[in-house]
């Protein structure tokens, strides 16, 4: 089936300027042509969907979610109390909410009992509508380390190597390492590295040997340094914590750039919900590190770090459909350019996941993962909360903001 979309604006995710009065041509699951309508030739009989004063852009990618978690204010406690069946059903709920919010791809950065892989496979098989999911399975952490209760606990290099191989045996898409402690686990230290340099290197080497990228949770500068030296692919969070403060390290940032590594911000709602007031009146909130944290983001951007915009969905108070709120906060209050933020959830996010040859940009030959937004997010990022249409693999799954179920493809299969 061949058809086309006509729109006032096309943001293609490549870093190129917005195309005005644009056409994008789709055949089956792939894009075959894009550009100004005056330069795109349509074959006779091609159906054209004119979406008017809307913006067409690549399907959104959230590179750091926990799809089995609710994201409520007590999501951590709920997760530890939930049965496997309850957790999987929460994943189904989140998958459908993700689609409605424009997410066509997510990377799950820590599950339990490999349940996210079952959800991934169900969606890939066409039995359930949801985003494409890349799964880490359980994370690797030290004994009593960050998120130990749903993790593979490892303390020695040989234990880390065996755990990486076990994850690969279970067919994960990516390996997730807890490089430092974290706020979600009482008794772990967010500033301190959970492993020595040999531990970081062992995980990177074994995962890369078997063709898997590595994502590493790092809050402290010490852990960040070891992750960079090991060549770990994406650094998650990166608030530069050391000695009870934010300690931005220019040399470390230069090494991140030199090694072409990617920083995935993985900023849960506690980083931005109601923080605008604190940024306006920092003296009214003594002791808070938020303004310093935001400054590290500005400085990384100015230095040329590749910044992926990701939500850490599932962590306390962060719902899977709230990535647009983080995008708004970064543009309106941290003053990151809108085009940079949008590329951080499209083309650059695809690169972080190793999917840049298939996803993230609207170019001929790429899969037709497309979002149509009411308004112009480059002028007003709140437009990202107004998702009109979501197309995945060339199939329309959301129209007028509502899920289409069963999908046309499932109907065709049922009819034989």
Protein backbone atom coordinates (compact mmCIF):
# COMPACT_ATOMS: atom_id res chain seq x y z
CA UNK A 1 0.00 0.00 0.00
CA UNK A 2 1.32 3.42 -0.99
CA UNK A 3 0.07 6.68 0.47
CA UNK A 4 1.33 10.12 1.50
CA UNK A 5 0.98 12.69 4.27
CA UNK A 6 0.86 16.40 3.52
CA UNK A 7 1.56 18.88 6.35
CA UNK A 8 2.52 22.46 7.01
CA UNK A 9 5.75 21.37 8.77
CA UNK A 10 8.10 18.39 8.62
CA UNK A 11 10.73 17.94 11.34
CA UNK A 12 12.79 15.02 10.07
CA UNK A 13 15.04 14.42 13.11
CA UNK A 14 18.30 14.69 11.15
CA UNK A 15 19.25 18.16 12.36
CA UNK A 16 18.20 19.77 9.08
CA UNK A 17 15.84 22.77 9.07
CA UNK A 18 12.09 22.20 9.15
CA UNK A 19 10.56 21.58 5.74
CA UNK A 20 7.53 23.75 5.01
CA UNK A 21 4.52 22.56 2.98
CA UNK A 22 5.90 19.04 3.07
CA UNK A 23 5.04 15.60 1.74
CA UNK A 24 6.12 12.25 3.14
CA UNK A 25 5.43 9.14 1.06
CA UNK A 26 4.93 5.73 2.69
CA UNK A 27 4.87 2.34 1.01
CA UNK A 28 3.99 -0.60 3.24
CA UNK A 29 6.17 -0.18 6.37
CA UNK A 30 8.80 2.19 4.92
CA UNK A 31 9.28 5.79 3.89
CA UNK A 32 10.02 6.21 0.19
CA UNK A 33 10.23 9.99 -0.20
CA UNK A 34 10.13 13.23 1.81
CA UNK A 35 10.55 16.91 1.08
CA UNK A 36 8.70 20.02 -0.07
CA UNK A 37 5.48 19.09 -1.86
CA UNK A 38 6.69 20.90 -4.95
CA UNK A 39 9.68 18.53 -5.19
CA UNK A 40 8.03 15.17 -4.41
CA UNK A 41 6.46 13.33 -7.33
CA UNK A 42 3.44 11.19 -6.50
CA UNK A 43 2.44 8.26 -8.68
CA UNK A 44 -1.07 8.27 -10.06
CA UNK A 45 -3.68 7.09 -7.57
CA UNK A 46 -1.58 7.73 -4.45
CA UNK A 47 -3.87 8.60 -1.55
CA UNK A 48 -2.87 11.80 0.25
CA UNK A 49 -3.77 12.58 3.87
CA UNK A 50 -3.68 16.36 4.34
CA UNK A 51 -3.18 17.08 8.06
CA UNK A 52 -3.17 20.85 7.59
CA UNK A 53 -1.51 23.08 10.18
CA UNK A 54 0.20 20.24 12.02
CA UNK A 55 3.76 19.03 12.41
CA UNK A 56 4.94 15.65 11.13
CA UNK A 57 7.96 14.19 12.90
CA UNK A 58 9.61 10.85 13.67
CA UNK A 59 8.03 8.57 16.25
CA UNK A 60 9.30 9.49 19.70
CA UNK A 61 11.90 7.37 21.48
CA UNK A 62 12.23 7.28 25.27
CA UNK A 63 15.63 5.70 25.89
CA UNK A 64 15.15 5.09 29.62
CA UNK A 65 11.93 3.63 30.99
CA UNK A 66 10.86 0.97 33.49
CA UNK A 67 7.75 -0.20 31.71
CA UNK A 68 6.63 -2.64 34.41
CA UNK A 69 6.37 0.13 37.04
CA UNK A 70 3.38 2.40 37.61
CA UNK A 71 5.27 5.65 38.05
CA UNK A 72 3.00 6.59 40.96
CA UNK A 73 4.29 8.39 44.04
CA UNK A 74 4.76 4.97 45.67
CA UNK A 75 5.86 3.02 42.58
CA UNK A 76 8.91 1.51 44.27
CA UNK A 77 6.89 0.05 47.13
CA UNK A 78 4.20 -1.12 44.70
CA UNK A 79 6.78 -2.87 42.57
CA UNK A 80 8.27 -4.81 45.45
CA UNK A 81 4.79 -5.93 46.57
CA UNK A 82 3.39 -6.75 43.11
CA UNK A 83 3.12 -10.27 41.75
CA UNK A 84 4.67 -11.11 38.39
CA UNK A 85 1.19 -11.11 36.80
CA UNK A 86 0.42 -7.65 38.21
CA UNK A 87 3.73 -6.31 36.95
CA UNK A 88 3.15 -7.66 33.46
CA UNK A 89 -0.36 -6.20 33.31
CA UNK A 90 1.10 -2.83 34.34
CA UNK A 91 3.47 -3.20 31.41
CA UNK A 92 0.54 -3.75 29.05
CA UNK A 93 -1.15 -0.61 30.39
CA UNK A 94 2.03 1.42 29.99
CA UNK A 95 2.62 0.13 26.47
CA UNK A 96 -0.71 1.48 25.30
CA UNK A 97 -0.29 4.80 27.12
CA UNK A 98 3.14 5.09 25.54
CA UNK A 99 1.69 4.79 22.05
CA UNK A 100 -0.99 7.38 22.75
CA UNK A 101 1.71 9.83 23.88
CA UNK A 102 3.66 9.40 20.63
CA UNK A 103 6.24 6.84 21.77
CA UNK A 104 6.88 4.27 19.06
CA UNK A 105 10.09 2.94 20.67
CA UNK A 106 11.27 2.67 24.27
CA UNK A 107 14.30 1.14 25.97
CA UNK A 108 13.44 -0.64 29.20
CA UNK A 109 16.34 -0.16 31.60
CA UNK A 110 15.56 -2.68 34.30
CA UNK A 111 12.75 -5.17 34.80
CA UNK A 112 12.08 -8.24 36.94
CA UNK A 113 12.20 -11.89 35.93
CA UNK A 114 12.61 -10.96 32.24
CA UNK A 115 8.93 -10.00 32.03
CA UNK A 116 9.58 -7.05 29.74
CA UNK A 117 10.95 -9.49 27.17
CA UNK A 118 7.62 -11.35 27.14
CA UNK A 119 5.86 -8.02 26.56
CA UNK A 120 8.36 -7.12 23.82
CA UNK A 121 7.82 -10.40 22.02
CA UNK A 122 4.03 -10.15 22.26
CA UNK A 123 4.09 -6.70 20.64
CA UNK A 124 6.60 -7.79 17.99
CA UNK A 125 4.39 -10.75 17.11
CA UNK A 126 1.45 -8.41 16.55
CA UNK A 127 -0.72 -9.70 19.38
CA UNK A 128 -0.72 -6.38 21.24
CA UNK A 129 -0.46 -2.75 20.20
CA UNK A 130 2.52 -1.06 21.81
CA UNK A 131 5.84 0.62 21.16
CA UNK A 132 8.88 -1.26 19.99
CA UNK A 133 10.69 -2.26 23.22
CA UNK A 134 14.40 -2.81 23.71
CA UNK A 135 14.92 -4.74 26.95
CA UNK A 136 17.78 -4.97 29.43
CA UNK A 137 16.13 -7.58 31.62
CA UNK A 138 17.24 -7.38 35.28
CA UNK A 139 20.01 -4.88 35.97
CA UNK A 140 23.45 -5.78 37.28
CA UNK A 141 24.17 -4.38 40.74
CA UNK A 142 26.35 -5.08 43.76
CA UNK A 143 25.06 -6.97 46.78
CA UNK A 144 22.63 -4.58 48.53
CA UNK A 145 23.27 -2.11 45.69
CA UNK A 146 20.88 0.07 43.74
CA UNK A 147 17.63 -1.86 43.02
CA UNK A 148 19.07 -5.11 44.40
CA UNK A 149 15.61 -6.67 44.90
CA UNK A 150 14.92 -7.13 41.17
CA UNK A 151 18.51 -7.43 39.96
CA UNK A 152 21.40 -9.83 39.44
CA UNK A 153 23.75 -9.14 42.35
CA UNK A 154 27.43 -9.28 41.38
CA UNK A 155 30.53 -8.26 43.33
CA UNK A 156 33.51 -9.77 41.50
CA UNK A 157 34.64 -9.46 37.89
CA UNK A 158 33.85 -13.12 37.16
CA UNK A 159 30.33 -12.66 38.59
CA UNK A 160 29.77 -9.65 36.33
CA UNK A 161 30.99 -11.58 33.30
CA UNK A 162 28.71 -14.52 34.05
CA UNK A 163 25.76 -12.18 34.58
CA UNK A 164 26.34 -10.46 31.21
CA UNK A 165 26.44 -13.86 29.50
CA UNK A 166 23.28 -14.93 31.33
CA UNK A 167 21.47 -11.83 30.09
CA UNK A 168 22.57 -12.50 26.53
CA UNK A 169 21.39 -16.11 26.87
CA UNK A 170 17.94 -14.72 27.77
CA UNK A 171 18.02 -12.62 24.56
CA UNK A 172 18.16 -9.12 26.06
CA UNK A 173 18.73 -6.18 23.71
CA UNK A 174 21.01 -4.17 25.99
CA UNK A 175 22.90 -4.64 29.27
CA UNK A 176 22.19 -2.27 32.17
CA UNK A 177 24.83 -1.78 34.87
CA UNK A 178 24.29 0.08 38.14
CA UNK A 179 27.61 1.89 38.25
CA UNK A 180 26.83 3.83 41.43
CA UNK A 181 24.30 3.68 44.21
CA UNK A 182 21.04 5.52 43.82
CA UNK A 183 18.27 7.41 45.54
CA UNK A 184 15.80 4.53 45.22
CA UNK A 185 17.77 2.20 47.50
CA UNK A 186 18.34 3.18 51.13
CA UNK A 187 21.88 2.34 52.14
CA UNK A 188 23.38 2.65 48.68
CA UNK A 189 25.57 5.68 48.02
CA UNK A 190 24.72 7.65 44.85
CA UNK A 191 28.12 9.34 44.88
CA UNK A 192 30.24 6.18 45.22
CA UNK A 193 31.09 3.72 42.49
CA UNK A 194 29.74 0.20 43.07
CA UNK A 195 32.65 -1.35 41.13
CA UNK A 196 36.30 -0.70 40.47
CA UNK A 197 37.60 0.08 36.99
CA UNK A 198 38.06 -3.62 36.21
CA UNK A 199 34.39 -4.28 36.89
CA UNK A 200 33.21 -1.57 34.48
CA UNK A 201 35.66 -2.77 31.83
CA UNK A 202 34.62 -6.42 32.18
CA UNK A 203 30.96 -5.57 31.57
CA UNK A 204 31.74 -3.36 28.57
CA UNK A 205 34.13 -5.86 27.00
CA UNK A 206 31.91 -8.92 27.39
CA UNK A 207 28.73 -7.15 26.25
CA UNK A 208 30.45 -5.62 23.23
CA UNK A 209 32.02 -8.99 22.37
CA UNK A 210 28.49 -10.38 22.04
CA UNK A 211 27.12 -7.41 20.14
CA UNK A 212 25.25 -5.70 22.97
CA UNK A 213 25.39 -2.06 23.99
CA UNK A 214 25.71 -1.13 27.66
CA UNK A 215 23.78 1.53 29.59
CA UNK A 216 25.21 2.54 32.96
CA UNK A 217 23.44 4.25 35.87
CA UNK A 218 25.88 6.85 37.24
CA UNK A 219 25.21 9.65 39.68
CA UNK A 220 28.69 10.26 41.06
CA UNK A 221 31.71 11.65 39.24
CA UNK A 222 33.77 8.62 40.27
CA UNK A 223 31.40 6.20 38.55
CA UNK A 224 31.09 8.47 35.52
CA UNK A 225 34.86 8.49 35.09
CA UNK A 226 35.12 4.70 35.24
CA UNK A 227 32.25 4.28 32.79
CA UNK A 228 33.86 6.68 30.31
CA UNK A 229 37.25 4.99 30.59
CA UNK A 230 35.56 1.64 29.92
CA UNK A 231 33.84 3.00 26.80
CA UNK A 232 30.32 2.26 28.01
CA UNK A 233 27.84 3.35 25.37
CA UNK A 234 25.29 5.48 27.23
CA UNK A 235 25.72 7.22 30.57
CA UNK A 236 22.40 7.48 32.39
CA UNK A 237 21.55 10.46 34.69
CA UNK A 238 25.02 12.07 35.09
CA UNK A 239 24.36 14.79 37.69
CA UNK A 240 28.11 15.00 38.58
CA UNK A 241 27.66 14.34 42.31
CA UNK A 242 30.67 14.40 44.64
CA UNK A 243 31.11 15.29 48.31
CA UNK A 244 27.53 16.42 48.77
CA UNK A 245 27.50 18.83 45.86
CA UNK A 246 27.43 19.07 42.07
CA UNK A 247 31.00 18.96 40.77
CA UNK A 248 30.99 19.54 37.00
CA UNK A 249 34.17 18.11 35.48
CA UNK A 250 35.27 19.73 32.22
CA UNK A 251 37.99 17.14 31.57
CA UNK A 252 35.49 14.31 32.01
CA UNK A 253 33.09 16.02 29.62
CA UNK A 254 35.89 16.44 27.07
CA UNK A 255 36.59 12.70 27.30
CA UNK A 256 32.87 11.89 26.80
CA UNK A 257 32.96 13.94 23.60
CA UNK A 258 36.29 12.51 22.42
CA UNK A 259 34.99 8.95 22.84
CA UNK A 260 31.70 9.84 21.09
CA UNK A 261 29.67 8.58 24.06
CA UNK A 262 26.07 9.59 24.73
CA UNK A 263 24.56 11.04 27.90
CA UNK A 264 20.96 9.95 28.47
CA UNK A 265 19.52 12.45 30.94
CA UNK A 266 17.00 9.99 32.46
CA UNK A 267 15.36 12.78 34.46
CA UNK A 268 12.36 11.63 36.53
CA UNK A 269 9.55 13.99 37.40
CA UNK A 270 11.19 15.02 40.67
CA UNK A 271 13.78 16.86 38.56
CA UNK A 272 11.24 19.15 36.94
CA UNK A 273 7.77 18.97 38.48
CA UNK A 274 7.22 22.21 40.38
CA UNK A 275 10.93 23.07 40.03
CA UNK A 276 10.32 26.14 37.89
CA UNK A 277 9.50 28.08 41.05
CA UNK A 278 12.79 27.04 42.64
CA UNK A 279 14.70 28.20 39.60
CA UNK A 280 13.06 31.61 39.77
CA UNK A 281 13.68 31.98 43.49
CA UNK A 282 16.68 29.78 44.38
CA UNK A 283 17.33 31.67 47.63
CA UNK A 284 13.92 30.58 48.89
CA UNK A 285 15.03 26.95 48.69
CA UNK A 286 18.43 26.74 50.43
CA UNK A 287 20.30 23.46 50.17
CA UNK A 288 18.74 22.36 46.90
CA UNK A 289 21.11 21.24 44.16
CA UNK A 290 18.55 21.60 41.36
CA UNK A 291 19.84 24.88 39.85
CA UNK A 292 23.39 23.48 39.75
CA UNK A 293 22.12 20.28 38.13
CA UNK A 294 20.36 22.26 35.41
CA UNK A 295 23.55 24.22 34.81
CA UNK A 296 25.44 20.97 34.11
CA UNK A 297 22.94 20.21 31.34
CA UNK A 298 23.44 23.65 29.80
CA UNK A 299 27.23 23.26 29.99
CA UNK A 300 27.22 19.77 28.49
CA UNK A 301 25.08 21.02 25.62
CA UNK A 302 27.35 24.02 25.04
CA UNK A 303 30.41 21.74 25.07
CA UNK A 304 28.92 19.48 22.42
CA UNK A 305 27.86 16.41 24.39
CA UNK A 306 25.24 14.27 22.69
CA UNK A 307 22.23 14.62 25.02
CA UNK A 308 19.38 12.12 24.80
CA UNK A 309 16.18 13.31 26.47
CA UNK A 310 14.80 10.40 28.52
CA UNK A 311 12.32 10.20 31.38
CA UNK A 312 13.29 7.38 33.79
CA UNK A 313 9.58 6.51 33.63
CA UNK A 314 8.39 4.29 36.44
CA UNK A 315 10.54 5.98 39.04
CA UNK A 316 8.65 7.85 41.73
CA UNK A 317 6.00 10.14 40.26
CA UNK A 318 6.94 9.64 36.60
CA UNK A 319 4.27 8.34 34.22
CA UNK A 320 5.08 6.92 30.80
CA UNK A 321 3.12 9.63 28.98
CA UNK A 322 4.99 12.50 30.69
CA UNK A 323 8.08 12.77 28.48
CA UNK A 324 6.57 15.91 26.85
CA UNK A 325 6.56 17.64 30.25
CA UNK A 326 10.31 17.08 30.56
CA UNK A 327 10.78 18.37 27.02
CA UNK A 328 8.88 21.53 27.93
CA UNK A 329 10.92 22.01 31.06
CA UNK A 330 14.21 21.69 29.21
CA UNK A 331 13.22 24.29 26.62
CA UNK A 332 11.31 26.74 28.82
CA UNK A 333 13.41 26.68 32.00
CA UNK A 334 16.80 25.10 31.24
CA UNK A 335 16.89 26.94 27.89
CA UNK A 336 18.03 24.06 25.70
CA UNK A 337 17.02 24.84 22.08
CA UNK A 338 13.80 23.15 21.00
CA UNK A 339 15.45 21.53 17.97
CA UNK A 340 18.06 19.93 20.26
CA UNK A 341 15.40 18.60 22.60
CA UNK A 342 13.36 17.18 19.71
CA UNK A 343 16.41 15.51 18.21
CA UNK A 344 17.12 14.09 21.68
CA UNK A 345 13.91 12.03 21.44
CA UNK A 346 14.24 11.13 17.74
CA UNK A 347 17.44 10.86 15.69
CA UNK A 348 19.94 10.97 18.54
CA UNK A 349 17.88 8.61 20.69
CA UNK A 350 17.87 6.11 17.82
CA UNK A 351 21.65 6.38 17.64
CA UNK A 352 21.91 5.71 21.38
CA UNK A 353 19.90 2.50 20.90
CA UNK A 354 21.86 1.40 17.83
CA UNK A 355 18.79 1.79 15.61
CA UNK A 356 19.86 4.79 13.54
CA UNK A 357 19.83 2.73 10.34
CA UNK A 358 16.09 2.04 10.76
CA UNK A 359 14.53 4.68 13.03
CA UNK A 360 14.71 8.19 14.41
CA UNK A 361 14.61 10.19 11.21
CA UNK A 362 12.15 10.60 8.34
CA UNK A 363 14.28 9.59 5.38
CA UNK A 364 13.76 7.25 2.42
CA UNK A 365 14.39 3.66 3.42
CA UNK A 366 13.64 4.17 7.12
CA UNK A 367 10.73 2.49 8.87
CA UNK A 368 7.60 4.62 8.83
CA UNK A 369 7.43 5.50 12.53
CA UNK A 370 5.69 8.88 12.44
CA UNK A 371 3.95 11.22 14.87
CA UNK A 372 1.60 14.02 13.82
CA UNK A 373 1.32 16.82 16.39
CA UNK A 374 -1.22 19.62 16.72
CA UNK A 375 0.82 22.83 16.50
CA UNK A 376 4.51 23.63 16.16
CA UNK A 377 6.75 22.20 18.93
CA UNK A 378 9.70 24.24 17.70
CA UNK A 379 7.79 27.37 18.66
CA UNK A 380 5.86 25.94 21.63
CA UNK A 381 6.95 22.62 23.12
CA UNK A 382 3.57 22.15 24.79
CA UNK A 383 2.42 20.99 21.34
CA UNK A 384 4.04 17.65 22.20
CA UNK A 385 1.16 17.07 24.62
CA UNK A 386 -1.25 17.21 21.67
CA UNK A 387 -0.56 14.02 19.77
CA UNK A 388 -3.00 13.61 16.89
CA UNK A 389 -1.76 10.54 14.99
CA UNK A 390 0.79 7.81 15.69
CA UNK A 391 2.06 5.54 12.92
CA UNK A 392 4.37 2.59 13.60
CA UNK A 393 5.85 0.47 10.82
CA UNK A 394 3.51 2.22 8.39
CA UNK A 395 0.38 1.30 10.35
CA UNK A 396 -1.81 3.93 12.01
CA UNK A 397 -2.27 2.92 15.65
CA UNK A 398 -3.54 6.22 17.12
CA UNK A 399 -5.88 8.67 15.42
CA UNK A 400 -7.33 11.85 16.95
CA UNK A 401 -5.46 10.92 20.13
CA UNK A 402 -7.33 7.60 20.54
CA UNK A 403 -6.04 4.04 20.19
CA UNK A 404 -7.29 2.03 17.22
CA UNK A 405 -7.98 -1.52 18.38
CA UNK A 406 -7.92 -4.02 16.89
CA UNK A 407 -5.45 -2.62 14.41
CA UNK A 408 -6.11 -2.91 10.67
CA UNK A 409 -3.28 -5.45 10.45
CA UNK A 410 -4.83 -7.68 13.12
CA UNK A 411 -8.21 -7.46 11.39
CA UNK A 412 -6.60 -8.56 8.13
CA UNK A 413 -4.89 -11.48 9.86
CA UNK A 414 -8.14 -12.56 11.51
CA UNK A 415 -9.90 -12.54 8.15
CA UNK A 416 -7.18 -14.65 6.63
